[in-house]
Amino acid sequence: MISLWYPARTTEGDRVPWMTSAAEALYRQQTSRNLQTSLDAVDFPLTHARRNVPVKARHGGRPVIIFSPGYAAMREQGTTLVEDLASRGNVVVTISHTHEAQFVEFPGGRVEPSRQPADPDYALALRTRRDDTTFVLDVLARLNSGAGTTIRGRHLPHGLRGALDLSKVGMFGHSLGGAAAAETMAQDPRVRAGVDLDGSVIGAARDTGLDRPFLLTASAGHGRDNDDSWADFWSRLRGWRRQLLLKDSGHQTYTDLGPLVPQLIKALPIPPQVVARLIENIGTIDPDHSVAAQRAYLAAFFDLHLRHHDDHLFAGPSPRYPEIEFVP
């Protein structure tokens, strides 16, 4: 199941909820259990998107960026970064990996829950994600060529034909999604540039490396010094490469939990031991500064390698984003 984010020709219609109705209900229920408090009075976010609005045309089409979330996570949990990339002129395709994700709601209301074993097979999950991504790229090529105006009876947004520049495809992901970006690039030359948000690199890419641009971004305490997979992968990267560290961050800082959890902590009576676990996951970094830095460096990376526009943000540390540390 995917969502397609793109610059729109109009802004008519209501803003789209963060999650579809059945998925939101299940997520609310599950999160209430995890936080040991009720979320009944909590309003979940609205995105800045409208559903099925016409695509804003651009001669030659727009760069395409694919997003893969962390293990067992849903595509909605990268919305903070995804909608910003779309607002900058990209088409962003987010993937929920069915039967691995917590749950996936399909049009019509069918919900598929996770079928992952208690002892996860990460290698199998990685191969599945690689195959999912290759399949999605094949389908995008057919849609871009105008091969059909509907999917299962549902009309596609007007203007989608020719809206994608599939010679300019990038991919990023969080945790296992970052490994999936590297693995897909190792197998599919259509993906020209990739970003790993704090995920260990497993699979073939760790041994083969890549000859295309790749960005590694770490949470505090993570890096080549204590993750052998990053050290191996880094040594085999033959193209443009950078490693960044986001200071005072946690592993989940790179997801929507980064800005959402502090709001929940302030608003709800969450037990102290649960709060401590949450802070460990998202770190102590200011959420606004964190989101701004992540958005800036992701956009700069894909602008540089898909559009060949260099704003020199990767030339070295920037006083605008002191939270970002360059790792030599």
Protein backbone atom coordinates (compact mmCIF):
# COMPACT_ATOMS: atom_id res chain seq x y z
CA MET A 1 0.00 0.00 0.00
CA ILE A 2 1.38 3.41 -0.96
CA SER A 3 0.56 7.08 -0.68
CA LEU A 4 1.57 9.49 -3.42
CA TRP A 5 2.47 13.02 -2.31
CA TYR A 6 2.93 15.74 -4.94
CA PRO A 7 2.70 19.51 -5.52
CA ALA A 8 -0.96 20.28 -6.21
CA ARG A 9 -2.54 22.65 -8.71
CA THR A 10 -5.26 23.62 -6.22
CA THR A 11 -5.81 23.37 -2.46
CA GLU A 12 -9.52 22.61 -2.57
CA GLY A 13 -11.01 20.12 -0.14
CA ASP A 14 -10.43 19.19 3.48
CA ARG A 15 -7.00 18.44 4.87
CA VAL A 16 -6.28 14.73 5.03
CA PRO A 17 -5.91 13.07 8.46
CA TRP A 18 -2.55 11.67 9.51
CA MET A 19 -3.97 8.14 9.35
CA THR A 20 -7.00 6.55 7.75
CA SER A 21 -9.93 5.90 10.09
CA ALA A 22 -9.52 2.21 10.90
CA ALA A 23 -5.73 2.47 11.17
CA GLU A 24 -6.06 5.49 13.46
CA ALA A 25 -8.49 3.66 15.75
CA LEU A 26 -6.14 0.69 16.07
CA TYR A 27 -3.10 2.92 16.54
CA ARG A 28 -4.90 4.96 19.20
CA GLN A 29 -5.83 1.76 21.05
CA GLN A 30 -2.32 0.31 20.85
CA THR A 31 -0.63 3.57 21.84
CA SER A 32 -2.96 3.98 24.83
CA ARG A 33 -1.80 0.60 26.09
CA ASN A 34 1.86 1.45 25.54
CA LEU A 35 1.56 4.82 27.30
CA GLN A 36 -0.66 3.41 30.05
CA THR A 37 -3.09 6.30 29.65
CA SER A 38 -6.15 7.06 27.56
CA LEU A 39 -5.87 8.92 24.26
CA ASP A 40 -9.63 9.38 23.91
CA ALA A 41 -9.36 13.17 24.31
CA VAL A 42 -6.37 13.51 21.97
CA ASP A 43 -6.87 14.85 18.46
CA PHE A 44 -4.49 13.19 16.03
CA PRO A 45 -2.76 15.46 13.49
CA LEU A 46 -4.02 16.63 10.13
CA THR A 47 -1.57 16.69 7.24
CA HIS A 48 -1.22 19.63 4.86
CA ALA A 49 -2.45 17.46 1.97
CA ARG A 50 -5.74 17.25 0.09
CA ARG A 51 -6.92 14.00 -1.44
CA ASN A 52 -6.95 13.42 -5.23
CA VAL A 53 -6.36 17.07 -6.16
CA PRO A 54 -4.89 17.74 -9.65
CA VAL A 55 -1.13 17.44 -10.00
CA LYS A 56 0.73 20.70 -10.66
CA ALA A 57 2.44 20.21 -14.01
CA ARG A 58 6.17 20.68 -14.51
CA HIS A 59 7.91 20.31 -17.85
CA GLY A 60 9.82 17.05 -17.89
CA GLY A 61 8.20 15.81 -14.69
CA ARG A 62 9.34 15.94 -11.08
CA PRO A 63 11.98 13.98 -9.15
CA VAL A 64 10.58 10.94 -7.34
CA ILE A 65 11.58 10.09 -3.76
CA ILE A 66 10.56 6.82 -2.10
CA PHE A 67 10.16 6.45 1.66
CA SER A 68 10.35 3.18 3.62
CA PRO A 69 9.58 3.29 7.38
CA GLY A 70 11.21 1.41 10.23
CA TYR A 71 10.60 -2.25 11.05
CA ALA A 72 6.88 -2.91 11.75
CA ALA A 73 6.13 0.79 11.28
CA MET A 74 3.60 2.39 8.95
CA ARG A 75 4.27 4.82 6.13
CA GLU A 76 2.30 7.54 7.95
CA GLN A 77 5.02 7.79 10.59
CA GLY A 78 7.32 9.67 8.22
CA THR A 79 4.82 12.40 7.36
CA THR A 80 6.78 15.24 9.02
CA LEU A 81 9.60 14.76 6.50
CA VAL A 82 7.59 13.49 3.56
CA GLU A 83 5.19 16.40 3.18
CA ASP A 84 8.08 18.87 3.36
CA LEU A 85 9.87 17.12 0.49
CA ALA A 86 6.66 17.21 -1.56
CA SER A 87 6.22 20.92 -0.80
CA ARG A 88 9.64 21.54 -2.36
CA GLY A 89 8.58 20.19 -5.75
CA ASN A 90 9.17 16.45 -5.45
CA VAL A 91 6.79 13.52 -5.84
CA VAL A 92 7.16 11.37 -2.72
CA VAL A 93 5.96 7.78 -2.58
CA THR A 94 5.53 6.25 0.88
CA ILE A 95 5.25 2.49 1.33
CA SER A 96 3.57 0.44 4.06
CA HIS A 97 5.00 -3.07 3.84
CA THR A 98 1.91 -5.21 4.29
CA HIS A 99 2.06 -7.99 6.93
CA GLU A 100 5.18 -6.43 8.43
CA ALA A 101 3.66 -3.05 9.34
CA GLN A 102 1.59 -2.87 12.54
CA PHE A 103 -1.48 -2.72 10.34
CA VAL A 104 -2.30 -1.49 6.86
CA GLU A 105 -5.71 -0.16 5.84
CA PHE A 106 -6.68 -0.55 2.18
CA PRO A 107 -9.37 1.40 0.30
CA GLY A 108 -12.74 0.02 1.29
CA GLY A 109 -11.71 -0.47 4.91
CA ARG A 110 -9.90 -3.83 4.78
CA VAL A 111 -7.19 -3.92 7.45
CA GLU A 112 -4.23 -6.27 7.30
CA PRO A 113 -2.41 -6.72 10.62
CA SER A 114 1.22 -7.61 11.16
CA ARG A 115 2.11 -11.26 10.72
CA GLN A 116 5.68 -10.99 11.93
CA PRO A 117 7.00 -13.70 14.24
CA ALA A 118 8.02 -12.93 17.81
CA ASP A 119 11.64 -13.45 16.69
CA PRO A 120 11.82 -11.22 13.58
CA ASP A 121 13.57 -12.38 10.42
CA TYR A 122 15.11 -9.06 9.43
CA ALA A 123 16.88 -10.52 6.40
CA LEU A 124 13.56 -11.73 4.98
CA ALA A 125 11.90 -8.41 5.80
CA LEU A 126 14.71 -6.58 3.99
CA ARG A 127 14.39 -8.71 0.85
CA THR A 128 10.63 -8.19 0.89
CA ARG A 129 11.07 -4.42 1.14
CA ARG A 130 13.52 -4.46 -1.76
CA ASP A 131 11.03 -6.40 -3.87
CA ASP A 132 8.18 -4.11 -2.76
CA THR A 133 10.15 -1.07 -3.87
CA THR A 134 11.09 -2.55 -7.24
CA PHE A 135 7.43 -3.43 -7.82
CA VAL A 136 6.34 0.11 -6.90
CA LEU A 137 8.86 1.57 -9.37
CA ASP A 138 7.49 -0.70 -12.11
CA VAL A 139 3.93 0.43 -11.37
CA LEU A 140 4.95 4.10 -11.30
CA ALA A 141 6.47 3.72 -14.75
CA ARG A 142 3.18 2.34 -16.08
CA LEU A 143 1.14 5.10 -14.45
CA ASN A 144 3.50 7.78 -15.71
CA SER A 145 3.10 6.47 -19.26
CA GLY A 146 -0.66 6.83 -19.01
CA ALA A 147 -1.36 3.10 -18.94
CA GLY A 148 -4.74 3.35 -17.27
CA THR A 149 -6.53 6.14 -15.43
CA THR A 150 -7.90 3.98 -12.63
CA ILE A 151 -6.66 1.45 -10.11
CA ARG A 152 -9.30 -1.08 -9.06
CA GLY A 153 -12.03 1.27 -10.18
CA ARG A 154 -10.64 4.34 -8.42
CA HIS A 155 -9.72 7.32 -10.59
CA LEU A 156 -6.15 8.55 -10.38
CA PRO A 157 -5.46 12.26 -9.79
CA HIS A 158 -5.71 14.40 -12.91
CA GLY A 159 -2.32 15.28 -14.35
CA LEU A 160 -0.45 12.24 -13.03
CA ARG A 161 0.50 11.09 -16.52
CA GLY A 162 3.96 12.43 -17.30
CA ALA A 163 4.28 14.03 -13.86
CA LEU A 164 7.18 11.80 -12.77
CA ASP A 165 10.79 12.09 -13.88
CA LEU A 166 11.84 8.49 -13.33
CA SER A 167 15.40 9.26 -14.36
CA LYS A 168 15.66 11.12 -11.04
CA VAL A 169 14.68 8.65 -8.33
CA GLY A 170 15.91 8.80 -4.74
CA MET A 171 15.05 6.78 -1.65
CA PHE A 172 15.26 7.28 2.09
CA GLY A 173 14.12 5.34 5.10
CA HIS A 174 14.27 5.11 8.85
CA SER A 175 15.94 2.19 10.65
CA LEU A 176 15.26 -0.94 8.55
CA GLY A 177 13.89 1.44 5.93
CA GLY A 178 17.34 2.97 5.65
CA ALA A 179 18.84 -0.47 5.11
CA ALA A 180 16.12 -1.03 2.49
CA ALA A 181 17.23 2.11 0.66
CA ALA A 182 20.80 0.76 0.47
CA GLU A 183 19.65 -2.74 -0.48
CA THR A 184 17.35 -1.47 -3.22
CA MET A 185 20.11 0.69 -4.65
CA ALA A 186 22.46 -2.31 -4.69
CA GLN A 187 19.96 -4.25 -6.82
CA ASP A 188 18.10 -1.59 -8.81
CA PRO A 189 20.07 1.07 -10.73
CA ARG A 190 16.94 3.20 -11.14
CA VAL A 191 17.46 4.56 -7.60
CA ARG A 192 20.13 7.22 -8.01
CA ALA A 193 20.68 8.43 -4.42
CA GLY A 194 19.81 7.19 -0.93
CA VAL A 195 19.60 8.15 2.74
CA ASP A 196 19.68 5.93 5.82
CA LEU A 197 18.11 7.53 8.91
CA ASP A 198 19.81 5.71 11.79
CA GLY A 199 19.45 2.13 10.55
CA SER A 200 22.08 -0.60 10.61
CA VAL A 201 22.97 -1.77 7.10
CA ILE A 202 22.24 -5.45 6.61
CA GLY A 203 22.06 -7.40 3.38
CA ALA A 204 24.14 -7.35 0.21
CA ALA A 205 24.81 -3.60 0.27
CA ARG A 206 26.98 -3.97 3.37
CA ASP A 207 29.42 -6.12 1.40
CA THR A 208 29.12 -4.66 -2.10
CA GLY A 209 28.82 -0.98 -1.25
CA LEU A 210 27.44 1.51 -3.78
CA ASP A 211 28.77 3.69 -6.57
CA ARG A 212 26.03 6.33 -6.14
CA PRO A 213 25.52 9.08 -3.54
CA PHE A 214 24.55 7.95 -0.06
CA LEU A 215 23.95 9.79 3.22
CA LEU A 216 24.13 8.18 6.67
CA THR A 217 22.46 10.11 9.50
CA ALA A 218 22.82 8.93 13.07
CA SER A 219 21.20 9.50 16.42
CA ALA A 220 23.37 10.39 19.42
CA GLY A 221 25.66 7.52 20.31
CA HIS A 222 25.34 5.74 16.95
CA GLY A 223 27.93 5.66 14.21
CA ARG A 224 30.75 3.80 12.53
CA ASP A 225 32.62 3.47 15.83
CA ASN A 226 29.97 1.21 17.37
CA ASP A 227 28.07 -0.19 14.38
CA ASP A 228 30.23 -2.55 12.33
CA SER A 229 27.65 -2.57 9.54
CA TRP A 230 28.11 1.18 9.06
CA ALA A 231 31.90 0.85 9.12
CA ASP A 232 31.82 -1.93 6.50
CA PHE A 233 29.30 -0.12 4.30
CA TRP A 234 31.14 3.21 4.56
CA SER A 235 34.42 1.67 3.47
CA ARG A 236 32.75 0.31 0.33
CA LEU A 237 30.93 3.48 -0.73
CA ARG A 238 32.54 4.58 -4.00
CA GLY A 239 30.41 7.63 -4.75
CA TRP A 240 29.58 10.83 -2.86
CA ARG A 241 29.17 10.04 0.85
CA ARG A 242 28.57 11.86 4.12
CA GLN A 243 27.81 10.88 7.71
CA LEU A 244 25.89 13.27 9.95
CA LEU A 245 24.92 13.05 13.59
CA LEU A 246 21.87 14.74 15.11
CA LYS A 247 22.90 15.82 18.61
CA ASP A 248 20.85 14.85 21.68
CA SER A 249 18.57 12.68 19.54
CA GLY A 250 17.18 9.17 19.92
CA HIS A 251 16.39 6.49 17.38
CA GLN A 252 12.76 7.61 17.03
CA THR A 253 13.68 11.27 16.59
CA TYR A 254 13.67 10.58 12.86
CA THR A 255 9.96 9.70 12.91
CA ASP A 256 6.78 11.67 13.64
CA LEU A 257 7.19 10.61 17.27
CA GLY A 258 9.93 13.24 17.57
CA PRO A 259 7.50 16.18 17.53
CA LEU A 260 4.41 14.30 18.78
CA VAL A 261 5.70 12.62 21.95
CA PRO A 262 6.70 15.85 23.77
CA GLN A 263 3.17 17.14 23.21
CA LEU A 264 1.69 13.94 24.68
CA ILE A 265 4.02 14.08 27.68
CA LYS A 266 2.86 17.63 28.44
CA ALA A 267 -0.82 16.89 27.94
CA LEU A 268 -1.36 13.46 29.51
CA PRO A 269 -0.83 11.74 32.87
CA ILE A 270 1.78 9.28 31.63
CA PRO A 271 3.57 7.18 34.31
CA PRO A 272 7.14 8.38 35.01
CA GLN A 273 8.73 5.10 33.95
CA VAL A 274 6.96 5.34 30.59
CA VAL A 275 8.06 8.96 30.18
CA ALA A 276 11.66 7.91 30.80
CA ARG A 277 11.39 5.26 28.07
CA LEU A 278 9.87 7.77 25.67
CA ILE A 279 12.65 10.29 26.28
CA GLU A 280 15.23 7.57 25.66
CA ASN A 281 13.59 6.88 22.29
CA ILE A 282 13.31 10.49 21.10
CA GLY A 283 16.19 12.16 22.96
CA THR A 284 16.20 15.61 24.52
CA ILE A 285 16.66 17.66 21.35
CA ASP A 286 14.20 20.51 20.82
CA PRO A 287 11.55 19.09 18.41
CA ASP A 288 11.28 22.25 16.31
CA HIS A 289 15.03 22.44 15.81
CA SER A 290 15.21 18.72 15.09
CA VAL A 291 12.50 18.81 12.43
CA ALA A 292 13.98 21.90 10.78
CA ALA A 293 17.45 20.35 10.57
CA GLN A 294 16.21 17.02 9.23
CA ARG A 295 14.09 18.69 6.59
CA ALA A 296 16.92 20.99 5.50
CA TYR A 297 19.53 18.26 5.06
CA LEU A 298 17.19 15.79 3.37
CA ALA A 299 16.07 18.45 0.92
CA ALA A 300 19.64 19.60 0.29
CA PHE A 301 20.76 16.02 -0.38
CA PHE A 302 18.06 15.26 -2.92
CA ASP A 303 18.35 18.70 -4.51
CA LEU A 304 22.07 18.12 -4.97
CA HIS A 305 21.86 14.61 -6.42
CA LEU A 306 18.54 14.62 -8.25
CA ARG A 307 18.35 18.26 -9.41
CA HIS A 308 22.09 19.12 -9.40
CA HIS A 309 21.37 22.19 -7.29
CA ASP A 310 23.95 22.79 -4.56
CA ASP A 311 23.10 25.09 -1.66
CA HIS A 312 26.48 24.18 -0.07
CA LEU A 313 24.86 22.84 3.10
CA PHE A 314 27.15 19.81 2.90
CA ALA A 315 30.29 21.91 2.66
CA GLY A 316 30.61 21.81 6.45
CA PRO A 317 28.85 22.63 9.72
CA SER A 318 26.24 25.37 9.43
CA PRO A 319 25.44 27.98 12.10
CA ARG A 320 21.80 27.66 11.02
CA TYR A 321 21.73 24.05 12.21
CA PRO A 322 24.10 23.62 15.16
CA GLU A 323 22.30 20.36 16.01
CA ILE A 324 23.98 18.67 13.01
CA GLU A 325 27.50 17.35 13.46
CA PHE A 326 29.62 16.23 10.49
CA VAL A 327 31.38 12.93 11.15
CA PRO A 328 34.69 12.65 9.21
